[in-house]
Structures are given as C-alpha cells and as structure tokens.
C-alpha cells in the first residue's frame, strides 16, 4: 500500500515537471514567433516600427506571464 502511494506521488511530481516544461517550451515558441513576425513587419513597414515594437513587448510580456504562472502552479504541485 505504501509503495502504491509513493508511486502516485512520483507520478504527480512527474506530471508537474512535464507541465512546467511544456509551458516553457510553449512560451519560447510563442515569443520567438512574435519576435520573428514583428521583425518581418518592421522590415516591410519601417514607419510603424515604434508601434510594432511596443505591441511586440506587450504581447511577449503577456506570454511570459502565462508561462510564469504555469511554472508556479507546477512547482506548487511538487
């Protein structure tokens, strides 16, 4: 019975670690895509560079906030 409880605890920790990893991967992909598309848009229309840069930073901060929240929740599960 104790080994079953220890196995369940181990699976819970593994799930939390996988969740934190997936959140980090998703955030990295999202921020990379935002940066790439923003650079492409700035190259095509340099006159709107300041507005695009501001929007890019806000969007990246929102994605990073979601990733941080997911990591905190995952670490609380451990």
PDB file of N, CA and C in Angstrom:
ATOM      1  N   UNK A   1       0.820  -1.194   0.000  1.00  0.00           N
ATOM      2  CA  UNK A   1       0.000   0.000   0.000  1.00  0.00           C
ATOM      3  C   UNK A   1       0.870   1.267   0.000  1.00  0.00           C
ATOM      4  N   UNK A   2       1.954   1.229   0.774  1.00  0.00           N
ATOM      5  CA  UNK A   2       2.839   2.390   0.832  1.00  0.00           C
ATOM      6  C   UNK A   2       3.532   2.603  -0.510  1.00  0.00           C
ATOM      7  N   UNK A   3       3.921   1.523  -1.166  1.00  0.00           N
ATOM      8  CA  UNK A   3       4.589   1.668  -2.456  1.00  0.00           C
ATOM      9  C   UNK A   3       3.642   2.247  -3.502  1.00  0.00           C
ATOM     10  N   UNK A   4       2.349   1.934  -3.393  1.00  0.00           N
ATOM     11  CA  UNK A   4       1.364   2.499  -4.312  1.00  0.00           C
ATOM     12  C   UNK A   4       1.237   4.003  -4.097  1.00  0.00           C
ATOM     13  N   UNK A   5       1.257   4.434  -2.838  1.00  0.00           N
ATOM     14  CA  UNK A   5       1.190   5.860  -2.540  1.00  0.00           C
ATOM     15  C   UNK A   5       2.449   6.585  -3.011  1.00  0.00           C
ATOM     16  N   UNK A   6       3.595   5.955  -2.833  1.00  0.00           N
ATOM     17  CA  UNK A   6       4.841   6.561  -3.305  1.00  0.00           C
ATOM     18  C   UNK A   6       4.866   6.651  -4.826  1.00  0.00           C
ATOM     19  N   UNK A   7       4.333   5.641  -5.493  1.00  0.00           N
ATOM     20  CA  UNK A   7       4.272   5.674  -6.953  1.00  0.00           C
ATOM     21  C   UNK A   7       3.345   6.787  -7.424  1.00  0.00           C
ATOM     22  N   UNK A   8       2.215   6.964  -6.730  1.00  0.00           N
ATOM     23  CA  UNK A   8       1.282   8.028  -7.100  1.00  0.00           C
ATOM     24  C   UNK A   8       1.918   9.399  -6.888  1.00  0.00           C
ATOM     25  N   UNK A   9       2.678   9.537  -5.814  1.00  0.00           N
ATOM     26  CA  UNK A   9       3.358  10.803  -5.559  1.00  0.00           C
ATOM     27  C   UNK A   9       4.417  11.071  -6.629  1.00  0.00           C
ATOM     28  N   UNK A  10       5.120  10.036  -7.039  1.00  0.00           N
ATOM     29  CA  UNK A  10       6.122  10.188  -8.091  1.00  0.00           C
ATOM     30  C   UNK A  10       5.507  10.574  -9.419  1.00  0.00           C
ATOM     31  N   UNK A  11       4.358   9.975  -9.735  1.00  0.00           N
ATOM     32  CA  UNK A  11       3.669  10.313 -10.983  1.00  0.00           C
ATOM     33  C   UNK A  11       3.175  11.754 -10.930  1.00  0.00           C
ATOM     34  N   UNK A  12       2.712  12.200  -9.764  1.00  0.00           N
ATOM     35  CA  UNK A  12       2.257  13.587  -9.629  1.00  0.00           C
ATOM     36  C   UNK A  12       3.415  14.561  -9.846  1.00  0.00           C
ATOM     37  N   UNK A  13       4.582  14.230  -9.297  1.00  0.00           N
ATOM     38  CA  UNK A  13       5.748  15.098  -9.493  1.00  0.00           C
ATOM     39  C   UNK A  13       6.206  15.092 -10.944  1.00  0.00           C
ATOM     40  N   UNK A  14       6.130  13.941 -11.579  1.00  0.00           N
ATOM     41  CA  UNK A  14       6.484  13.860 -12.994  1.00  0.00           C
ATOM     42  C   UNK A  14       5.526  14.699 -13.836  1.00  0.00           C
ATOM     43  N   UNK A  15       4.244  14.634 -13.523  1.00  0.00           N
ATOM     44  CA  UNK A  15       3.259  15.437 -14.249  1.00  0.00           C
ATOM     45  C   UNK A  15       3.490  16.924 -14.075  1.00  0.00           C
ATOM     46  N   UNK A  16       3.850  17.335 -12.862  1.00  0.00           N
ATOM     47  CA  UNK A  16       4.137  18.747 -12.620  1.00  0.00           C
ATOM     48  C   UNK A  16       5.367  19.192 -13.401  1.00  0.00           C
ATOM     49  N   UNK A  17       6.386  18.345 -13.443  1.00  0.00           N
ATOM     50  CA  UNK A  17       7.603  18.690 -14.182  1.00  0.00           C
ATOM     51  C   UNK A  17       7.335  18.771 -15.682  1.00  0.00           C
ATOM     52  N   UNK A  18       6.549  17.834 -16.192  1.00  0.00           N
ATOM     53  CA  UNK A  18       6.202  17.862 -17.621  1.00  0.00           C
ATOM     54  C   UNK A  18       5.379  19.108 -17.935  1.00  0.00           C
ATOM     55  N   UNK A  19       4.453  19.455 -17.041  1.00  0.00           N
ATOM     56  CA  UNK A  19       3.648  20.659 -17.250  1.00  0.00           C
ATOM     57  C   UNK A  19       4.488  21.923 -17.285  1.00  0.00           C
ATOM     58  N   UNK A  20       5.446  22.021 -16.368  1.00  0.00           N
ATOM     59  CA  UNK A  20       6.330  23.191 -16.354  1.00  0.00           C
ATOM     60  C   UNK A  20       7.184  23.238 -17.616  1.00  0.00           C
ATOM     61  N   UNK A  21       7.665  22.081 -18.053  1.00  0.00           N
ATOM     62  CA  UNK A  21       8.476  22.029 -19.272  1.00  0.00           C
ATOM     63  C   UNK A  21       7.691  22.418 -20.506  1.00  0.00           C
ATOM     64  N   UNK A  22       6.467  21.916 -20.614  1.00  0.00           N
ATOM     65  CA  UNK A  22       5.634  22.265 -21.767  1.00  0.00           C
ATOM     66  C   UNK A  22       5.277  23.746 -21.770  1.00  0.00           C
ATOM     67  N   UNK A  23       5.043  24.314 -20.590  1.00  0.00           N
ATOM     68  CA  UNK A  23       4.760  25.746 -20.514  1.00  0.00           C
ATOM     69  C   UNK A  23       5.961  26.559 -20.976  1.00  0.00           C
ATOM     70  N   UNK A  24       7.152  26.143 -20.594  1.00  0.00           N
ATOM     71  CA  UNK A  24       8.364  26.857 -21.010  1.00  0.00           C
ATOM     72  C   UNK A  24       8.590  26.732 -22.514  1.00  0.00           C
ATOM     73  N   UNK A  25       8.363  25.540 -23.048  1.00  0.00           N
ATOM     74  CA  UNK A  25       8.523  25.343 -24.495  1.00  0.00           C
ATOM     75  C   UNK A  25       7.506  26.178 -25.262  1.00  0.00           C
ATOM     76  N   UNK A  26       6.260  26.162 -24.799  1.00  0.00           N
ATOM     77  CA  UNK A  26       5.220  26.949 -25.462  1.00  0.00           C
ATOM     78  C   UNK A  26       5.510  28.440 -25.426  1.00  0.00           C
ATOM     79  N   UNK A  27       5.989  28.913 -24.290  1.00  0.00           N
ATOM     80  CA  UNK A  27       6.327  30.335 -24.178  1.00  0.00           C
ATOM     81  C   UNK A  27       7.487  30.693 -25.097  1.00  0.00           C
ATOM     82  N   UNK A  28       8.478  29.828 -25.161  1.00  0.00           N
ATOM     83  CA  UNK A  28       9.616  30.087 -26.045  1.00  0.00           C
ATOM     84  C   UNK A  28       9.209  30.147 -27.504  1.00  0.00           C
ATOM     85  N   UNK A  29       8.366  29.210 -27.902  1.00  0.00           N
ATOM     86  CA  UNK A  29       7.888  29.213 -29.290  1.00  0.00           C
ATOM     87  C   UNK A  29       7.037  30.448 -29.578  1.00  0.00           C
ATOM     88  N   UNK A  30       6.172  30.801 -28.635  1.00  0.00           N
ATOM     89  CA  UNK A  30       5.307  31.964 -28.836  1.00  0.00           C
ATOM     90  C   UNK A  30       6.083  33.263 -28.928  1.00  0.00           C
ATOM     91  N   UNK A  31       7.032  33.451 -28.027  1.00  0.00           N
ATOM     92  CA  UNK A  31       7.823  34.679 -28.043  1.00  0.00           C
ATOM     93  C   UNK A  31       8.716  34.725 -29.282  1.00  0.00           C
ATOM     94  N   UNK A  32       9.244  33.582 -29.680  1.00  0.00           N
ATOM     95  CA  UNK A  32      10.049  33.540 -30.905  1.00  0.00           C
ATOM     96  C   UNK A  32       9.242  33.895 -32.134  1.00  0.00           C
ATOM     97  N   UNK A  33       8.023  33.397 -32.180  1.00  0.00           N
ATOM     98  CA  UNK A  33       7.158  33.711 -33.324  1.00  0.00           C
ATOM     99  C   UNK A  33       6.781  35.194 -33.334  1.00  0.00           C
ATOM    100  N   UNK A  34       6.471  35.733 -32.163  1.00  0.00           N
ATOM    101  CA  UNK A  34       6.149  37.161 -32.078  1.00  0.00           C
ATOM    102  C   UNK A  34       7.338  37.999 -32.551  1.00  0.00           C
ATOM    103  N   UNK A  35       8.530  37.665 -32.068  1.00  0.00           N
ATOM    104  CA  UNK A  35       9.719  38.424 -32.459  1.00  0.00           C
ATOM    105  C   UNK A  35      10.000  38.338 -33.944  1.00  0.00           C
ATOM    106  N   UNK A  36       9.884  37.145 -34.495  1.00  0.00           N
ATOM    107  CA  UNK A  36      10.140  36.963 -35.923  1.00  0.00           C
ATOM    108  C   UNK A  36       9.150  37.712 -36.797  1.00  0.00           C
ATOM    109  N   UNK A  37       7.873  37.609 -36.451  1.00  0.00           N
ATOM    110  CA  UNK A  37       6.855  38.297 -37.241  1.00  0.00           C
ATOM    111  C   UNK A  37       6.967  39.815 -37.094  1.00  0.00           C
ATOM    112  N   UNK A  38       7.328  40.274 -35.896  1.00  0.00           N
ATOM    113  CA  UNK A  38       7.494  41.715 -35.702  1.00  0.00           C
ATOM    114  C   UNK A  38       8.676  42.238 -36.518  1.00  0.00           C
ATOM    115  N   UNK A  39       9.769  41.499 -36.545  1.00  0.00           N
ATOM    116  CA  UNK A  39      10.923  41.925 -37.349  1.00  0.00           C
ATOM    117  C   UNK A  39      10.573  41.947 -38.834  1.00  0.00           C
ATOM    118  N   UNK A  40       9.794  40.972 -39.270  1.00  0.00           N
ATOM    119  CA  UNK A  40       9.353  40.938 -40.667  1.00  0.00           C
ATOM    120  C   UNK A  40       8.479  42.152 -40.980  1.00  0.00           C
ATOM    121  N   UNK A  41       7.558  42.462 -40.066  1.00  0.00           N
ATOM    122  CA  UNK A  41       6.684  43.617 -40.285  1.00  0.00           C
ATOM    123  C   UNK A  41       7.469  44.923 -40.253  1.00  0.00           C
ATOM    124  N   UNK A  42       8.457  45.017 -39.370  1.00  0.00           N
ATOM    125  CA  UNK A  42       9.275  46.232 -39.306  1.00  0.00           C
ATOM    126  C   UNK A  42      10.118  46.403 -40.563  1.00  0.00           C
ATOM    127  N   UNK A  43      10.554  45.301 -41.146  1.00  0.00           N
ATOM    128  CA  UNK A  43      11.333  45.388 -42.382  1.00  0.00           C
ATOM    129  C   UNK A  43      10.455  45.836 -43.545  1.00  0.00           C
ATOM    130  N   UNK A  44       9.193  45.407 -43.527  1.00  0.00           N
ATOM    131  CA  UNK A  44       8.292  45.791 -44.617  1.00  0.00           C
ATOM    132  C   UNK A  44       7.782  47.219 -44.472  1.00  0.00           C
ATOM    133  N   UNK A  45       7.528  47.655 -43.214  1.00  0.00           N
ATOM    134  CA  UNK A  45       6.988  48.997 -42.972  1.00  0.00           C
ATOM    135  C   UNK A  45       7.782  49.680 -41.856  1.00  0.00           C
ATOM    136  N   UNK A  46       8.914  50.251 -42.176  1.00  0.00           N
ATOM    137  CA  UNK A  46       9.751  50.864 -41.131  1.00  0.00           C
ATOM    138  C   UNK A  46       9.095  52.060 -40.442  1.00  0.00           C
ATOM    139  N   UNK A  47       8.116  52.672 -41.080  1.00  0.00           N
ATOM    140  CA  UNK A  47       7.495  53.862 -40.493  1.00  0.00           C
ATOM    141  C   UNK A  47       6.638  53.543 -39.265  1.00  0.00           C
ATOM    142  N   UNK A  48       6.236  52.303 -39.080  1.00  0.00           N
ATOM    143  CA  UNK A  48       5.433  51.930 -37.907  1.00  0.00           C
ATOM    144  C   UNK A  48       6.256  51.110 -36.904  1.00  0.00           C
ATOM    145  N   UNK A  49       7.565  51.277 -36.954  1.00  0.00           N
ATOM    146  CA  UNK A  49       8.454  50.460 -36.119  1.00  0.00           C
ATOM    147  C   UNK A  49       8.188  50.651 -34.626  1.00  0.00           C
ATOM    148  N   UNK A  50       7.998  51.889 -34.174  1.00  0.00           N
ATOM    149  CA  UNK A  50       7.804  52.135 -32.740  1.00  0.00           C
ATOM    150  C   UNK A  50       6.528  51.489 -32.224  1.00  0.00           C
ATOM    151  N   UNK A  51       5.452  51.596 -32.983  1.00  0.00           N
ATOM    152  CA  UNK A  51       4.186  50.995 -32.557  1.00  0.00           C
ATOM    153  C   UNK A  51       4.290  49.469 -32.553  1.00  0.00           C
ATOM    154  N   UNK A  52       4.922  48.910 -33.567  1.00  0.00           N
ATOM    155  CA  UNK A  52       5.092  47.456 -33.614  1.00  0.00           C
ATOM    156  C   UNK A  52       5.958  46.959 -32.466  1.00  0.00           C
ATOM    157  N   UNK A  53       7.012  47.693 -32.145  1.00  0.00           N
ATOM    158  CA  UNK A  53       7.901  47.281 -31.063  1.00  0.00           C
ATOM    159  C   UNK A  53       7.162  47.279 -29.726  1.00  0.00           C
ATOM    160  N   UNK A  54       6.350  48.308 -29.495  1.00  0.00           N
ATOM    161  CA  UNK A  54       5.580  48.374 -28.253  1.00  0.00           C
ATOM    162  C   UNK A  54       4.600  47.215 -28.159  1.00  0.00           C
ATOM    163  N   UNK A  55       3.893  46.954 -29.245  1.00  0.00           N
ATOM    164  CA  UNK A  55       2.943  45.841 -29.241  1.00  0.00           C
ATOM    165  C   UNK A  55       3.650  44.501 -29.065  1.00  0.00           C
ATOM    166  N   UNK A  56       4.828  44.363 -29.651  1.00  0.00           N
ATOM    167  CA  UNK A  56       5.592  43.123 -29.516  1.00  0.00           C
ATOM    168  C   UNK A  56       6.001  42.902 -28.064  1.00  0.00           C
ATOM    169  N   UNK A  57       6.461  43.944 -27.396  1.00  0.00           N
ATOM    170  CA  UNK A  57       6.884  43.826 -25.999  1.00  0.00           C
ATOM    171  C   UNK A  57       5.698  43.481 -25.108  1.00  0.00           C
ATOM    172  N   UNK A  58       4.554  44.098 -25.333  1.00  0.00           N
ATOM    173  CA  UNK A  58       3.360  43.799 -24.529  1.00  0.00           C
ATOM    174  C   UNK A  58       2.924  42.355 -24.730  1.00  0.00           C
ATOM    175  N   UNK A  59       2.893  41.897 -25.964  1.00  0.00           N
ATOM    176  CA  UNK A  59       2.483  40.515 -26.235  1.00  0.00           C
ATOM    177  C   UNK A  59       3.466  39.520 -25.635  1.00  0.00           C
ATOM    178  N   UNK A  60       4.756  39.798 -25.736  1.00  0.00           N
ATOM    179  CA  UNK A  60       5.757  38.904 -25.152  1.00  0.00           C
ATOM    180  C   UNK A  60       5.638  38.874 -23.631  1.00  0.00           C
ATOM    181  N   UNK A  61       5.341  40.006 -23.022  1.00  0.00           N
ATOM    182  CA  UNK A  61       5.172  40.047 -21.567  1.00  0.00           C
ATOM    183  C   UNK A  61       3.953  39.241 -21.133  1.00  0.00           C
ATOM    184  N   UNK A  62       2.883  39.304 -21.902  1.00  0.00           N
ATOM    185  CA  UNK A  62       1.691  38.518 -21.569  1.00  0.00           C
ATOM    186  C   UNK A  62       1.974  37.024 -21.671  1.00  0.00           C
ATOM    187  N   UNK A  63       2.682  36.622 -22.697  1.00  0.00           N
ATOM    188  CA  UNK A  63       3.026  35.204 -22.850  1.00  0.00           C
ATOM    189  C   UNK A  63       3.957  34.768 -21.724  1.00  0.00           C
ATOM    190  N   UNK A  64       4.910  35.601 -21.383  1.00  0.00           N
ATOM    191  CA  UNK A  64       5.844  35.261 -20.308  1.00  0.00           C
ATOM    192  C   UNK A  64       5.115  35.168 -18.972  1.00  0.00           C
ATOM    193  N   UNK A  65       4.107  36.012 -18.776  1.00  0.00           N
ATOM    194  CA  UNK A  65       3.308  35.940 -17.553  1.00  0.00           C
ATOM    195  C   UNK A  65       2.559  34.629 -17.439  1.00  0.00           C
ATOM    196  N   UNK A  66       2.003  34.166 -18.542  1.00  0.00           N
ATOM    197  CA  UNK A  66       1.298  32.882 -18.542  1.00  0.00           C
ATOM    198  C   UNK A  66       2.272  31.749 -18.257  1.00  0.00           C
ATOM    199  N   UNK A  67       3.455  31.802 -18.833  1.00  0.00           N
ATOM    200  CA  UNK A  67       4.459  30.760 -18.587  1.00  0.00           C
ATOM    201  C   UNK A  67       4.914  30.776 -17.133  1.00  0.00           C
ATOM    202  N   UNK A  68       5.096  31.950 -16.564  1.00  0.00           N
ATOM    203  CA  UNK A  68       5.486  32.048 -15.162  1.00  0.00           C
ATOM    204  C   UNK A  68       4.392  31.492 -14.260  1.00  0.00           C
ATOM    205  N   UNK A  69       3.148  31.806 -14.565  1.00  0.00           N
ATOM    206  CA  UNK A  69       2.019  31.288 -13.793  1.00  0.00           C
ATOM    207  C   UNK A  69       1.971  29.765 -13.865  1.00  0.00           C
ATOM    208  N   UNK A  70       2.175  29.209 -15.040  1.00  0.00           N
ATOM    209  CA  UNK A  70       2.173  27.750 -15.199  1.00  0.00           C
ATOM    210  C   UNK A  70       3.318  27.115 -14.427  1.00  0.00           C
ATOM    211  N   UNK A  71       4.472  27.742 -14.442  1.00  0.00           N
ATOM    212  CA  UNK A  71       5.616  27.198 -13.703  1.00  0.00           C
ATOM    213  C   UNK A  71       5.373  27.245 -12.198  1.00  0.00           C
ATOM    214  N   UNK A  72       4.780  28.321 -11.710  1.00  0.00           N
ATOM    215  CA  UNK A  72       4.478  28.423 -10.278  1.00  0.00           C
ATOM    216  C   UNK A  72       3.478  27.355  -9.869  1.00  0.00           C
ATOM    217  N   UNK A  73       2.442  27.157 -10.663  1.00  0.00           N
ATOM    218  CA  UNK A  73       1.450  26.122 -10.362  1.00  0.00           C
ATOM    219  C   UNK A  73       2.102  24.746 -10.380  1.00  0.00           C
ATOM    220  N   UNK A  74       2.969  24.499 -11.340  1.00  0.00           N
ATOM    221  CA  UNK A  74       3.642  23.199 -11.416  1.00  0.00           C
ATOM    222  C   UNK A  74       4.542  22.979 -10.204  1.00  0.00           C
ATOM    223  N   UNK A  75       5.254  24.012  -9.781  1.00  0.00           N
ATOM    224  CA  UNK A  75       6.135  23.858  -8.626  1.00  0.00           C
ATOM    225  C   UNK A  75       5.347  23.725  -7.329  1.00  0.00           C
ATOM    226  N   UNK A  76       4.155  24.292  -7.270  1.00  0.00           N
ATOM    227  CA  UNK A  76       3.311  24.100  -6.094  1.00  0.00           C
ATOM    228  C   UNK A  76       2.806  22.662  -6.008  1.00  0.00           C
ATOM    229  N   UNK A  77       2.681  22.017  -7.149  1.00  0.00           N
ATOM    230  CA  UNK A  77       2.241  20.618  -7.160  1.00  0.00           C
ATOM    231  C   UNK A  77       3.342  19.679  -6.694  1.00  0.00           C
ATOM    232  N   UNK A  78       4.568  20.115  -6.769  1.00  0.00           N
ATOM    233  CA  UNK A  78       5.687  19.269  -6.333  1.00  0.00           C
ATOM    234  C   UNK A  78       5.774  19.349  -4.880  1.00  0.00           C
TER     235      UNK A  78
END
